[in-house]
Amino acid sequence: VTAVPATAGEAFERAAAHGDEHTIKMTDTALDVAAAHPELAPRALAAATVSRELIEPPR
């Protein structure tokens, strides 16, 4: 697993650079969870990272 982003902005930048709409949606949801439940932020950002690694970027 790639290093988990330290900030919400970094997580979204990585998702946008990846380019897949599902990766972007997953990251957006993870950021919503992190904002609503700060104690879950590390897990939410990790989930966004894993989804980005498992979903192939568009060609």
PDB file of N, CA and C in Angstrom:
ATOM      1  N   VAL A   1       0.846  -1.183   0.000  1.00  0.00           N
ATOM      2  CA  VAL A   1       0.000   0.000   0.000  1.00  0.00           C
ATOM      3  C   VAL A   1       0.887   1.239   0.000  1.00  0.00           C
ATOM      4  N   THR A   2       0.524   2.173  -0.863  1.00  0.00           N
ATOM      5  CA  THR A   2       1.219   3.453  -0.922  1.00  0.00           C
ATOM      6  C   THR A   2       0.982   4.205   0.386  1.00  0.00           C
ATOM      7  N   ALA A   3       1.880   5.087   0.726  1.00  0.00           N
ATOM      8  CA  ALA A   3       1.712   5.879   1.949  1.00  0.00           C
ATOM      9  C   ALA A   3       0.365   6.603   1.924  1.00  0.00           C
ATOM     10  N   VAL A   4      -0.291   6.606   3.056  1.00  0.00           N
ATOM     11  CA  VAL A   4      -1.590   7.265   3.186  1.00  0.00           C
ATOM     12  C   VAL A   4      -1.371   8.774   3.179  1.00  0.00           C
ATOM     13  N   PRO A   5      -2.193   9.515   2.438  1.00  0.00           N
ATOM     14  CA  PRO A   5      -2.029  10.967   2.398  1.00  0.00           C
ATOM     15  C   PRO A   5      -2.244  11.594   3.772  1.00  0.00           C
ATOM     16  N   ALA A   6      -1.529  12.663   4.023  1.00  0.00           N
ATOM     17  CA  ALA A   6      -1.597  13.328   5.326  1.00  0.00           C
ATOM     18  C   ALA A   6      -2.780  14.285   5.426  1.00  0.00           C
ATOM     19  N   THR A   7      -3.268  14.762   4.283  1.00  0.00           N
ATOM     20  CA  THR A   7      -4.348  15.747   4.296  1.00  0.00           C
ATOM     21  C   THR A   7      -5.448  15.358   3.321  1.00  0.00           C
ATOM     22  N   ALA A   8      -6.609  15.958   3.530  1.00  0.00           N
ATOM     23  CA  ALA A   8      -7.722  15.729   2.613  1.00  0.00           C
ATOM     24  C   ALA A   8      -7.378  16.232   1.216  1.00  0.00           C
ATOM     25  N   GLY A   9      -6.722  17.366   1.149  1.00  0.00           N
ATOM     26  CA  GLY A   9      -6.331  17.917  -0.147  1.00  0.00           C
ATOM     27  C   GLY A   9      -5.413  16.990  -0.916  1.00  0.00           C
ATOM     28  N   GLU A  10      -4.468  16.412  -0.213  1.00  0.00           N
ATOM     29  CA  GLU A  10      -3.540  15.475  -0.850  1.00  0.00           C
ATOM     30  C   GLU A  10      -4.281  14.231  -1.337  1.00  0.00           C
ATOM     31  N   ALA A  11      -5.215  13.742  -0.542  1.00  0.00           N
ATOM     32  CA  ALA A  11      -5.995  12.565  -0.939  1.00  0.00           C
ATOM     33  C   ALA A  11      -6.786  12.859  -2.205  1.00  0.00           C
ATOM     34  N   PHE A  12      -7.421  14.030  -2.258  1.00  0.00           N
ATOM     35  CA  PHE A  12      -8.212  14.356  -3.439  1.00  0.00           C
ATOM     36  C   PHE A  12      -7.325  14.585  -4.655  1.00  0.00           C
ATOM     37  N   GLU A  13      -6.169  15.204  -4.468  1.00  0.00           N
ATOM     38  CA  GLU A  13      -5.231  15.397  -5.585  1.00  0.00           C
ATOM     39  C   GLU A  13      -4.820  14.060  -6.185  1.00  0.00           C
ATOM     40  N   ARG A  14      -4.535  13.089  -5.337  1.00  0.00           N
ATOM     41  CA  ARG A  14      -4.139  11.762  -5.819  1.00  0.00           C
ATOM     42  C   ARG A  14      -5.278  11.100  -6.586  1.00  0.00           C
ATOM     43  N   ALA A  15      -6.499  11.229  -6.073  1.00  0.00           N
ATOM     44  CA  ALA A  15      -7.656  10.634  -6.752  1.00  0.00           C
ATOM     45  C   ALA A  15      -7.882  11.300  -8.108  1.00  0.00           C
ATOM     46  N   ALA A  16      -7.785  12.612  -8.143  1.00  0.00           N
ATOM     47  CA  ALA A  16      -7.976  13.333  -9.403  1.00  0.00           C
ATOM     48  C   ALA A  16      -6.900  12.959 -10.414  1.00  0.00           C
ATOM     49  N   ALA A  17      -5.670  12.814  -9.954  1.00  0.00           N
ATOM     50  CA  ALA A  17      -4.577  12.425 -10.853  1.00  0.00           C
ATOM     51  C   ALA A  17      -4.793  11.012 -11.383  1.00  0.00           C
ATOM     52  N   HIS A  18      -5.386  10.146 -10.573  1.00  0.00           N
ATOM     53  CA  HIS A  18      -5.695   8.773 -10.992  1.00  0.00           C
ATOM     54  C   HIS A  18      -6.684   8.805 -12.149  1.00  0.00           C
ATOM     55  N   GLY A  19      -7.736   9.603 -12.009  1.00  0.00           N
ATOM     56  CA  GLY A  19      -8.662   9.844 -13.096  1.00  0.00           C
ATOM     57  C   GLY A  19      -9.915   8.991 -13.170  1.00  0.00           C
ATOM     58  N   ASP A  20      -9.996   7.908 -12.419  1.00  0.00           N
ATOM     59  CA  ASP A  20     -11.185   7.061 -12.495  1.00  0.00           C
ATOM     60  C   ASP A  20     -12.296   7.655 -11.637  1.00  0.00           C
ATOM     61  N   GLU A  21     -13.504   7.720 -12.192  1.00  0.00           N
ATOM     62  CA  GLU A  21     -14.612   8.344 -11.467  1.00  0.00           C
ATOM     63  C   GLU A  21     -14.954   7.616 -10.169  1.00  0.00           C
ATOM     64  N   HIS A  22     -14.794   6.298 -10.143  1.00  0.00           N
ATOM     65  CA  HIS A  22     -15.102   5.549  -8.926  1.00  0.00           C
ATOM     66  C   HIS A  22     -14.068   5.828  -7.834  1.00  0.00           C
ATOM     67  N   THR A  23     -12.832   5.993  -8.231  1.00  0.00           N
ATOM     68  CA  THR A  23     -11.784   6.351  -7.276  1.00  0.00           C
ATOM     69  C   THR A  23     -12.064   7.727  -6.685  1.00  0.00           C
ATOM     70  N   ILE A  24     -12.473   8.646  -7.533  1.00  0.00           N
ATOM     71  CA  ILE A  24     -12.774   9.998  -7.070  1.00  0.00           C
ATOM     72  C   ILE A  24     -13.973   9.972  -6.119  1.00  0.00           C
ATOM     73  N   LYS A  25     -15.019   9.215  -6.469  1.00  0.00           N
ATOM     74  CA  LYS A  25     -16.201   9.117  -5.602  1.00  0.00           C
ATOM     75  C   LYS A  25     -15.857   8.470  -4.260  1.00  0.00           C
ATOM     76  N   MET A  26     -15.060   7.413  -4.297  1.00  0.00           N
ATOM     77  CA  MET A  26     -14.662   6.741  -3.053  1.00  0.00           C
ATOM     78  C   MET A  26     -13.872   7.696  -2.165  1.00  0.00           C
ATOM     79  N   THR A  27     -12.959   8.438  -2.772  1.00  0.00           N
ATOM     80  CA  THR A  27     -12.159   9.389  -2.008  1.00  0.00           C
ATOM     81  C   THR A  27     -13.038  10.477  -1.422  1.00  0.00           C
ATOM     82  N   ASP A  28     -13.986  10.977  -2.194  1.00  0.00           N
ATOM     83  CA  ASP A  28     -14.904  11.999  -1.700  1.00  0.00           C
ATOM     84  C   ASP A  28     -15.689  11.482  -0.496  1.00  0.00           C
ATOM     85  N   THR A  29     -16.165  10.256  -0.584  1.00  0.00           N
ATOM     86  CA  THR A  29     -16.893   9.649   0.534  1.00  0.00           C
ATOM     87  C   THR A  29     -15.982   9.474   1.747  1.00  0.00           C
ATOM     88  N   ALA A  30     -14.759   9.026   1.509  1.00  0.00           N
ATOM     89  CA  ALA A  30     -13.800   8.863   2.608  1.00  0.00           C
ATOM     90  C   ALA A  30     -13.526  10.202   3.291  1.00  0.00           C
ATOM     91  N   LEU A  31     -13.442  11.262   2.509  1.00  0.00           N
ATOM     92  CA  LEU A  31     -13.206  12.586   3.092  1.00  0.00           C
ATOM     93  C   LEU A  31     -14.418  13.050   3.898  1.00  0.00           C
ATOM     94  N   ASP A  32     -15.624  12.714   3.436  1.00  0.00           N
ATOM     95  CA  ASP A  32     -16.826  13.033   4.213  1.00  0.00           C
ATOM     96  C   ASP A  32     -16.806  12.308   5.559  1.00  0.00           C
ATOM     97  N   VAL A  33     -16.436  11.034   5.534  1.00  0.00           N
ATOM     98  CA  VAL A  33     -16.349  10.247   6.771  1.00  0.00           C
ATOM     99  C   VAL A  33     -15.298  10.855   7.703  1.00  0.00           C
ATOM    100  N   ALA A  34     -14.147  11.199   7.149  1.00  0.00           N
ATOM    101  CA  ALA A  34     -13.068  11.775   7.954  1.00  0.00           C
ATOM    102  C   ALA A  34     -13.493  13.094   8.593  1.00  0.00           C
ATOM    103  N   ALA A  35     -14.251  13.894   7.852  1.00  0.00           N
ATOM    104  CA  ALA A  35     -14.707  15.178   8.391  1.00  0.00           C
ATOM    105  C   ALA A  35     -15.764  14.987   9.481  1.00  0.00           C
ATOM    106  N   ALA A  36     -16.644  14.024   9.283  1.00  0.00           N
ATOM    107  CA  ALA A  36     -17.724  13.795  10.245  1.00  0.00           C
ATOM    108  C   ALA A  36     -17.257  13.055  11.495  1.00  0.00           C
ATOM    109  N   HIS A  37     -16.226  12.227  11.324  1.00  0.00           N
ATOM    110  CA  HIS A  37     -15.728  11.395  12.429  1.00  0.00           C
ATOM    111  C   HIS A  37     -14.198  11.446  12.439  1.00  0.00           C
ATOM    112  N   PRO A  38     -13.622  12.507  12.977  1.00  0.00           N
ATOM    113  CA  PRO A  38     -12.168  12.672  12.938  1.00  0.00           C
ATOM    114  C   PRO A  38     -11.388  11.476  13.476  1.00  0.00           C
ATOM    115  N   GLU A  39     -11.975  10.750  14.414  1.00  0.00           N
ATOM    116  CA  GLU A  39     -11.278   9.585  14.958  1.00  0.00           C
ATOM    117  C   GLU A  39     -11.126   8.480  13.910  1.00  0.00           C
ATOM    118  N   LEU A  40     -11.933   8.529  12.863  1.00  0.00           N
ATOM    119  CA  LEU A  40     -11.853   7.535  11.785  1.00  0.00           C
ATOM    120  C   LEU A  40     -11.057   8.028  10.578  1.00  0.00           C
ATOM    121  N   ALA A  41     -10.553   9.250  10.645  1.00  0.00           N
ATOM    122  CA  ALA A  41      -9.844   9.834   9.501  1.00  0.00           C
ATOM    123  C   ALA A  41      -8.702   8.957   8.986  1.00  0.00           C
ATOM    124  N   PRO A  42      -7.839   8.412   9.845  1.00  0.00           N
ATOM    125  CA  PRO A  42      -6.759   7.573   9.312  1.00  0.00           C
ATOM    126  C   PRO A  42      -7.274   6.370   8.521  1.00  0.00           C
ATOM    127  N   ARG A  43      -8.328   5.748   9.020  1.00  0.00           N
ATOM    128  CA  ARG A  43      -8.896   4.586   8.317  1.00  0.00           C
ATOM    129  C   ARG A  43      -9.563   5.008   7.012  1.00  0.00           C
ATOM    130  N   ALA A  44     -10.257   6.127   7.039  1.00  0.00           N
ATOM    131  CA  ALA A  44     -10.936   6.603   5.835  1.00  0.00           C
ATOM    132  C   ALA A  44      -9.929   6.951   4.745  1.00  0.00           C
ATOM    133  N   LEU A  45      -8.850   7.631   5.116  1.00  0.00           N
ATOM    134  CA  LEU A  45      -7.822   7.974   4.127  1.00  0.00           C
ATOM    135  C   LEU A  45      -7.115   6.726   3.621  1.00  0.00           C
ATOM    136  N   ALA A  46      -6.940   5.746   4.490  1.00  0.00           N
ATOM    137  CA  ALA A  46      -6.343   4.477   4.054  1.00  0.00           C
ATOM    138  C   ALA A  46      -7.260   3.768   3.066  1.00  0.00           C
ATOM    139  N   ALA A  47      -8.567   3.804   3.314  1.00  0.00           N
ATOM    140  CA  ALA A  47      -9.524   3.179   2.392  1.00  0.00           C
ATOM    141  C   ALA A  47      -9.470   3.848   1.024  1.00  0.00           C
ATOM    142  N   ALA A  48      -9.356   5.159   1.007  1.00  0.00           N
ATOM    143  CA  ALA A  48      -9.240   5.872  -0.268  1.00  0.00           C
ATOM    144  C   ALA A  48      -7.970   5.455  -1.001  1.00  0.00           C
ATOM    145  N   THR A  49      -6.888   5.283  -0.261  1.00  0.00           N
ATOM    146  CA  THR A  49      -5.619   4.865  -0.860  1.00  0.00           C
ATOM    147  C   THR A  49      -5.733   3.471  -1.457  1.00  0.00           C
ATOM    148  N   VAL A  50      -6.321   2.559  -0.717  1.00  0.00           N
ATOM    149  CA  VAL A  50      -6.468   1.183  -1.208  1.00  0.00           C
ATOM    150  C   VAL A  50      -7.357   1.153  -2.450  1.00  0.00           C
ATOM    151  N   SER A  51      -8.432   1.913  -2.440  1.00  0.00           N
ATOM    152  CA  SER A  51      -9.314   1.907  -3.615  1.00  0.00           C
ATOM    153  C   SER A  51      -8.579   2.424  -4.845  1.00  0.00           C
ATOM    154  N   ARG A  52      -7.750   3.430  -4.658  1.00  0.00           N
ATOM    155  CA  ARG A  52      -6.976   3.973  -5.781  1.00  0.00           C
ATOM    156  C   ARG A  52      -6.008   2.933  -6.327  1.00  0.00           C
ATOM    157  N   GLU A  53      -5.465   2.114  -5.456  1.00  0.00           N
ATOM    158  CA  GLU A  53      -4.521   1.090  -5.898  1.00  0.00           C
ATOM    159  C   GLU A  53      -5.222  -0.085  -6.576  1.00  0.00           C
ATOM    160  N   LEU A  54      -6.448  -0.389  -6.171  1.00  0.00           N
ATOM    161  CA  LEU A  54      -7.160  -1.544  -6.714  1.00  0.00           C
ATOM    162  C   LEU A  54      -7.906  -1.248  -8.015  1.00  0.00           C
ATOM    163  N   ILE A  55      -8.298  -0.001  -8.210  1.00  0.00           N
ATOM    164  CA  ILE A  55      -9.039   0.373  -9.416  1.00  0.00           C
ATOM    165  C   ILE A  55      -8.041   0.847 -10.468  1.00  0.00           C
ATOM    166  N   GLU A  56      -8.122   0.252 -11.645  1.00  0.00           N
ATOM    167  CA  GLU A  56      -7.200   0.647 -12.714  1.00  0.00           C
ATOM    168  C   GLU A  56      -7.575   2.024 -13.244  1.00  0.00           C
ATOM    169  N   PRO A  57      -6.571   2.853 -13.529  1.00  0.00           N
ATOM    170  CA  PRO A  57      -6.871   4.165 -14.100  1.00  0.00           C
ATOM    171  C   PRO A  57      -7.447   4.011 -15.512  1.00  0.00           C
ATOM    172  N   PRO A  58      -8.236   4.986 -15.937  1.00  0.00           N
ATOM    173  CA  PRO A  58      -8.764   4.924 -17.300  1.00  0.00           C
ATOM    174  C   PRO A  58      -7.631   5.010 -18.317  1.00  0.00           C
ATOM    175  N   ARG A  59      -7.875   4.445 -19.458  1.00  0.00           N
ATOM    176  CA  ARG A  59      -6.844   4.456 -20.511  1.00  0.00           C
ATOM    177  C   ARG A  59      -7.051   5.588 -21.459  1.00  0.00           C
TER     178      ARG A  59
END
